[in-house]
Amino acid sequence: MQPLDTTIPDPALIVLMGAAGSGKSTWAGTWPRTQVLELDQFRVTISADRTSLAMPPTFSS
């Protein structure tokens, strides 16, 4: 068995998906802040509530 090639091309978009507590945020925390997009930050930008999963009125149909 050969070692797994973990080289990430540049540019790349890496999507972390997994169960709660599986280490997604821990792994993302090893990357420079300028390289990580956080859904929570986008929620704050559009709704001022990082925990809200509701769509803002401007995006509702």
PDB file of N, CA and C in Angstrom:
ATOM      1  N   MET A   1       0.838  -1.177   0.000  1.00  0.00           N
ATOM      2  CA  MET A   1       0.000   0.000   0.000  1.00  0.00           C
ATOM      3  C   MET A   1       0.888   1.247   0.000  1.00  0.00           C
ATOM      4  N   GLN A   2       0.586   2.190  -0.886  1.00  0.00           N
ATOM      5  CA  GLN A   2       1.358   3.419  -0.985  1.00  0.00           C
ATOM      6  C   GLN A   2       0.775   4.487  -0.078  1.00  0.00           C
ATOM      7  N   PRO A   3       1.619   5.424   0.400  1.00  0.00           N
ATOM      8  CA  PRO A   3       1.103   6.520   1.245  1.00  0.00           C
ATOM      9  C   PRO A   3       0.106   7.385   0.468  1.00  0.00           C
ATOM     10  N   LEU A   4      -0.854   7.912   1.168  1.00  0.00           N
ATOM     11  CA  LEU A   4      -1.868   8.787   0.585  1.00  0.00           C
ATOM     12  C   LEU A   4      -1.245  10.141   0.262  1.00  0.00           C
ATOM     13  N   ASP A   5      -1.451  10.631  -0.946  1.00  0.00           N
ATOM     14  CA  ASP A   5      -0.963  11.959  -1.341  1.00  0.00           C
ATOM     15  C   ASP A   5      -1.940  13.001  -0.807  1.00  0.00           C
ATOM     16  N   THR A   6      -1.506  13.807   0.148  1.00  0.00           N
ATOM     17  CA  THR A   6      -2.381  14.815   0.754  1.00  0.00           C
ATOM     18  C   THR A   6      -2.101  16.218   0.212  1.00  0.00           C
ATOM     19  N   THR A   7      -1.438  16.309  -0.928  1.00  0.00           N
ATOM     20  CA  THR A   7      -1.158  17.600  -1.546  1.00  0.00           C
ATOM     21  C   THR A   7      -2.464  18.259  -1.971  1.00  0.00           C
ATOM     22  N   ILE A   8      -2.640  19.517  -1.581  1.00  0.00           N
ATOM     23  CA  ILE A   8      -3.840  20.271  -1.947  1.00  0.00           C
ATOM     24  C   ILE A   8      -3.437  21.276  -3.025  1.00  0.00           C
ATOM     25  N   PRO A   9      -4.102  21.249  -4.183  1.00  0.00           N
ATOM     26  CA  PRO A   9      -3.743  22.181  -5.250  1.00  0.00           C
ATOM     27  C   PRO A   9      -4.048  23.625  -4.851  1.00  0.00           C
ATOM     28  N   ASP A  10      -3.399  24.563  -5.512  1.00  0.00           N
ATOM     29  CA  ASP A  10      -3.629  25.980  -5.247  1.00  0.00           C
ATOM     30  C   ASP A  10      -4.048  26.625  -6.555  1.00  0.00           C
ATOM     31  N   PRO A  11      -5.226  27.184  -6.677  1.00  0.00           N
ATOM     32  CA  PRO A  11      -6.233  27.380  -5.628  1.00  0.00           C
ATOM     33  C   PRO A  11      -7.077  26.123  -5.429  1.00  0.00           C
ATOM     34  N   ALA A  12      -7.734  26.068  -4.288  1.00  0.00           N
ATOM     35  CA  ALA A  12      -8.620  24.944  -3.976  1.00  0.00           C
ATOM     36  C   ALA A  12      -9.716  25.414  -3.032  1.00  0.00           C
ATOM     37  N   LEU A  13     -10.850  24.761  -3.112  1.00  0.00           N
ATOM     38  CA  LEU A  13     -11.944  24.982  -2.171  1.00  0.00           C
ATOM     39  C   LEU A  13     -12.132  23.673  -1.429  1.00  0.00           C
ATOM     40  N   ILE A  14     -11.977  23.723  -0.125  1.00  0.00           N
ATOM     41  CA  ILE A  14     -12.121  22.530   0.700  1.00  0.00           C
ATOM     42  C   ILE A  14     -13.373  22.692   1.539  1.00  0.00           C
ATOM     43  N   VAL A  15     -14.274  21.751   1.428  1.00  0.00           N
ATOM     44  CA  VAL A  15     -15.524  21.785   2.178  1.00  0.00           C
ATOM     45  C   VAL A  15     -15.429  20.733   3.274  1.00  0.00           C
ATOM     46  N   LEU A  16     -15.617  21.175   4.517  1.00  0.00           N
ATOM     47  CA  LEU A  16     -15.567  20.245   5.637  1.00  0.00           C
ATOM     48  C   LEU A  16     -16.982  19.875   6.038  1.00  0.00           C
ATOM     49  N   MET A  17     -17.267  18.598   5.987  1.00  0.00           N
ATOM     50  CA  MET A  17     -18.587  18.096   6.368  1.00  0.00           C
ATOM     51  C   MET A  17     -18.373  16.935   7.324  1.00  0.00           C
ATOM     52  N   GLY A  18     -19.224  16.860   8.325  1.00  0.00           N
ATOM     53  CA  GLY A  18     -19.113  15.749   9.249  1.00  0.00           C
ATOM     54  C   GLY A  18     -19.987  15.960  10.460  1.00  0.00           C
ATOM     55  N   ALA A  19     -20.046  14.951  11.261  1.00  0.00           N
ATOM     56  CA  ALA A  19     -20.864  15.001  12.471  1.00  0.00           C
ATOM     57  C   ALA A  19     -20.330  16.041  13.449  1.00  0.00           C
ATOM     58  N   ALA A  20     -21.231  16.551  14.292  1.00  0.00           N
ATOM     59  CA  ALA A  20     -20.811  17.479  15.347  1.00  0.00           C
ATOM     60  C   ALA A  20     -19.747  16.801  16.205  1.00  0.00           C
ATOM     61  N   GLY A  21     -18.705  17.546  16.521  1.00  0.00           N
ATOM     62  CA  GLY A  21     -17.646  17.018  17.373  1.00  0.00           C
ATOM     63  C   GLY A  21     -16.628  16.158  16.652  1.00  0.00           C
ATOM     64  N   SER A  22     -16.679  16.117  15.320  1.00  0.00           N
ATOM     65  CA  SER A  22     -15.761  15.248  14.576  1.00  0.00           C
ATOM     66  C   SER A  22     -14.412  15.898  14.265  1.00  0.00           C
ATOM     67  N   GLY A  23     -14.247  17.189  14.615  1.00  0.00           N
ATOM     68  CA  GLY A  23     -12.952  17.839  14.430  1.00  0.00           C
ATOM     69  C   GLY A  23     -12.859  18.796  13.264  1.00  0.00           C
ATOM     70  N   LYS A  24     -13.978  19.143  12.641  1.00  0.00           N
ATOM     71  CA  LYS A  24     -13.949  20.063  11.497  1.00  0.00           C
ATOM     72  C   LYS A  24     -13.350  21.415  11.877  1.00  0.00           C
ATOM     73  N   SER A  25     -13.844  22.000  12.955  1.00  0.00           N
ATOM     74  CA  SER A  25     -13.353  23.319  13.381  1.00  0.00           C
ATOM     75  C   SER A  25     -11.912  23.242  13.860  1.00  0.00           C
ATOM     76  N   THR A  26     -11.561  22.159  14.507  1.00  0.00           N
ATOM     77  CA  THR A  26     -10.178  21.980  14.962  1.00  0.00           C
ATOM     78  C   THR A  26      -9.236  21.930  13.769  1.00  0.00           C
ATOM     79  N   TRP A  27      -9.614  21.174  12.757  1.00  0.00           N
ATOM     80  CA  TRP A  27      -8.770  21.062  11.571  1.00  0.00           C
ATOM     81  C   TRP A  27      -8.710  22.403  10.832  1.00  0.00           C
ATOM     82  N   ALA A  28      -9.858  23.063  10.679  1.00  0.00           N
ATOM     83  CA  ALA A  28      -9.882  24.368  10.008  1.00  0.00           C
ATOM     84  C   ALA A  28      -9.069  25.394  10.794  1.00  0.00           C
ATOM     85  N   GLY A  29      -9.000  25.233  12.106  1.00  0.00           N
ATOM     86  CA  GLY A  29      -8.231  26.150  12.942  1.00  0.00           C
ATOM     87  C   GLY A  29      -6.735  26.089  12.715  1.00  0.00           C
ATOM     88  N   THR A  30      -6.266  25.072  12.015  1.00  0.00           N
ATOM     89  CA  THR A  30      -4.834  24.970  11.715  1.00  0.00           C
ATOM     90  C   THR A  30      -4.453  25.790  10.489  1.00  0.00           C
ATOM     91  N   TRP A  31      -5.449  26.314   9.783  1.00  0.00           N
ATOM     92  CA  TRP A  31      -5.210  27.106   8.580  1.00  0.00           C
ATOM     93  C   TRP A  31      -5.166  28.590   8.937  1.00  0.00           C
ATOM     94  N   PRO A  32      -4.449  29.404   8.163  1.00  0.00           N
ATOM     95  CA  PRO A  32      -4.441  30.853   8.410  1.00  0.00           C
ATOM     96  C   PRO A  32      -5.857  31.421   8.308  1.00  0.00           C
ATOM     97  N   ARG A  33      -6.203  32.371   9.179  1.00  0.00           N
ATOM     98  CA  ARG A  33      -7.555  32.954   9.205  1.00  0.00           C
ATOM     99  C   ARG A  33      -7.967  33.524   7.852  1.00  0.00           C
ATOM    100  N   THR A  34      -7.012  34.019   7.085  1.00  0.00           N
ATOM    101  CA  THR A  34      -7.337  34.597   5.776  1.00  0.00           C
ATOM    102  C   THR A  34      -7.716  33.524   4.759  1.00  0.00           C
ATOM    103  N   GLN A  35      -7.508  32.267   5.095  1.00  0.00           N
ATOM    104  CA  GLN A  35      -7.777  31.166   4.176  1.00  0.00           C
ATOM    105  C   GLN A  35      -9.064  30.409   4.505  1.00  0.00           C
ATOM    106  N   VAL A  36      -9.761  30.808   5.583  1.00  0.00           N
ATOM    107  CA  VAL A  36     -10.927  30.057   6.039  1.00  0.00           C
ATOM    108  C   VAL A  36     -12.183  30.920   5.925  1.00  0.00           C
ATOM    109  N   LEU A  37     -13.187  30.412   5.226  1.00  0.00           N
ATOM    110  CA  LEU A  37     -14.497  31.061   5.149  1.00  0.00           C
ATOM    111  C   LEU A  37     -15.398  30.373   6.154  1.00  0.00           C
ATOM    112  N   GLU A  38     -16.041  31.138   7.000  1.00  0.00           N
ATOM    113  CA  GLU A  38     -16.896  30.552   8.025  1.00  0.00           C
ATOM    114  C   GLU A  38     -18.356  30.929   7.782  1.00  0.00           C
ATOM    115  N   LEU A  39     -19.206  29.932   7.722  1.00  0.00           N
ATOM    116  CA  LEU A  39     -20.628  30.181   7.534  1.00  0.00           C
ATOM    117  C   LEU A  39     -21.179  31.065   8.645  1.00  0.00           C
ATOM    118  N   ASP A  40     -20.706  30.874   9.873  1.00  0.00           N
ATOM    119  CA  ASP A  40     -21.167  31.701  10.988  1.00  0.00           C
ATOM    120  C   ASP A  40     -20.899  33.183  10.723  1.00  0.00           C
ATOM    121  N   GLN A  41     -19.746  33.514  10.141  1.00  0.00           N
ATOM    122  CA  GLN A  41     -19.435  34.912   9.840  1.00  0.00           C
ATOM    123  C   GLN A  41     -20.386  35.465   8.792  1.00  0.00           C
ATOM    124  N   PHE A  42     -20.742  34.653   7.789  1.00  0.00           N
ATOM    125  CA  PHE A  42     -21.696  35.101   6.785  1.00  0.00           C
ATOM    126  C   PHE A  42     -23.070  35.324   7.411  1.00  0.00           C
ATOM    127  N   ARG A  43     -23.448  34.471   8.354  1.00  0.00           N
ATOM    128  CA  ARG A  43     -24.734  34.653   9.042  1.00  0.00           C
ATOM    129  C   ARG A  43     -24.756  35.976   9.787  1.00  0.00           C
ATOM    130  N   VAL A  44     -23.661  36.327  10.464  1.00  0.00           N
ATOM    131  CA  VAL A  44     -23.588  37.600  11.181  1.00  0.00           C
ATOM    132  C   VAL A  44     -23.727  38.758  10.198  1.00  0.00           C
ATOM    133  N   THR A  45     -23.091  38.632   9.051  1.00  0.00           N
ATOM    134  CA  THR A  45     -23.120  39.695   8.051  1.00  0.00           C
ATOM    135  C   THR A  45     -24.538  39.970   7.557  1.00  0.00           C
ATOM    136  N   ILE A  46     -25.323  38.912   7.344  1.00  0.00           N
ATOM    137  CA  ILE A  46     -26.651  39.127   6.761  1.00  0.00           C
ATOM    138  C   ILE A  46     -27.780  39.164   7.775  1.00  0.00           C
ATOM    139  N   SER A  47     -27.549  38.668   9.001  1.00  0.00           N
ATOM    140  CA  SER A  47     -28.671  38.645   9.940  1.00  0.00           C
ATOM    141  C   SER A  47     -28.315  39.124  11.342  1.00  0.00           C
ATOM    142  N   ALA A  48     -27.054  39.412  11.607  1.00  0.00           N
ATOM    143  CA  ALA A  48     -26.585  39.860  12.921  1.00  0.00           C
ATOM    144  C   ALA A  48     -26.765  38.791  14.001  1.00  0.00           C
ATOM    145  N   ASP A  49     -27.027  37.551  13.612  1.00  0.00           N
ATOM    146  CA  ASP A  49     -27.176  36.465  14.578  1.00  0.00           C
ATOM    147  C   ASP A  49     -26.488  35.224  14.022  1.00  0.00           C
ATOM    148  N   ARG A  50     -25.329  34.898  14.564  1.00  0.00           N
ATOM    149  CA  ARG A  50     -24.550  33.784  14.021  1.00  0.00           C
ATOM    150  C   ARG A  50     -25.221  32.435  14.233  1.00  0.00           C
ATOM    151  N   THR A  51     -26.217  32.362  15.103  1.00  0.00           N
ATOM    152  CA  THR A  51     -26.885  31.078  15.358  1.00  0.00           C
ATOM    153  C   THR A  51     -28.156  30.905  14.535  1.00  0.00           C
ATOM    154  N   SER A  52     -28.602  31.967  13.869  1.00  0.00           N
ATOM    155  CA  SER A  52     -29.856  31.911  13.118  1.00  0.00           C
ATOM    156  C   SER A  52     -29.676  31.105  11.822  1.00  0.00           C
ATOM    157  N   LEU A  53     -30.600  30.189  11.586  1.00  0.00           N
ATOM    158  CA  LEU A  53     -30.600  29.445  10.341  1.00  0.00           C
ATOM    159  C   LEU A  53     -31.688  29.934   9.393  1.00  0.00           C
ATOM    160  N   ALA A  54     -32.465  30.938   9.848  1.00  0.00           N
ATOM    161  CA  ALA A  54     -33.541  31.494   9.030  1.00  0.00           C
ATOM    162  C   ALA A  54     -32.972  32.350   7.914  1.00  0.00           C
ATOM    163  N   MET A  55     -33.654  32.357   6.795  1.00  0.00           N
ATOM    164  CA  MET A  55     -33.242  33.220   5.697  1.00  0.00           C
ATOM    165  C   MET A  55     -33.699  34.643   5.967  1.00  0.00           C
ATOM    166  N   PRO A  56     -32.858  35.622   5.709  1.00  0.00           N
ATOM    167  CA  PRO A  56     -33.287  37.018   5.873  1.00  0.00           C
ATOM    168  C   PRO A  56     -34.435  37.327   4.927  1.00  0.00           C
ATOM    169  N   PRO A  57     -35.292  38.291   5.270  1.00  0.00           N
ATOM    170  CA  PRO A  57     -36.450  38.624   4.418  1.00  0.00           C
ATOM    171  C   PRO A  57     -36.070  38.962   2.981  1.00  0.00           C
ATOM    172  N   THR A  58     -34.896  39.550   2.762  1.00  0.00           N
ATOM    173  CA  THR A  58     -34.496  39.929   1.398  1.00  0.00           C
ATOM    174  C   THR A  58     -34.218  38.717   0.519  1.00  0.00           C
ATOM    175  N   PHE A  59     -33.988  37.542   1.126  1.00  0.00           N
ATOM    176  CA  PHE A  59     -33.710  36.345   0.363  1.00  0.00           C
ATOM    177  C   PHE A  59     -34.892  35.391   0.295  1.00  0.00           C
ATOM    178  N   SER A  60     -35.943  35.708   1.017  1.00  0.00           N
ATOM    179  CA  SER A  60     -37.126  34.838   1.006  1.00  0.00           C
ATOM    180  C   SER A  60     -37.934  35.074  -0.260  1.00  0.00           C
ATOM    181  N   SER A  61     -38.660  34.043  -0.688  1.00  0.00           N
ATOM    182  CA  SER A  61     -39.460  34.216  -1.905  1.00  0.00           C
ATOM    183  C   SER A  61     -40.851  34.695  -1.556  1.00  0.00           C
TER     184      SER A  61
END
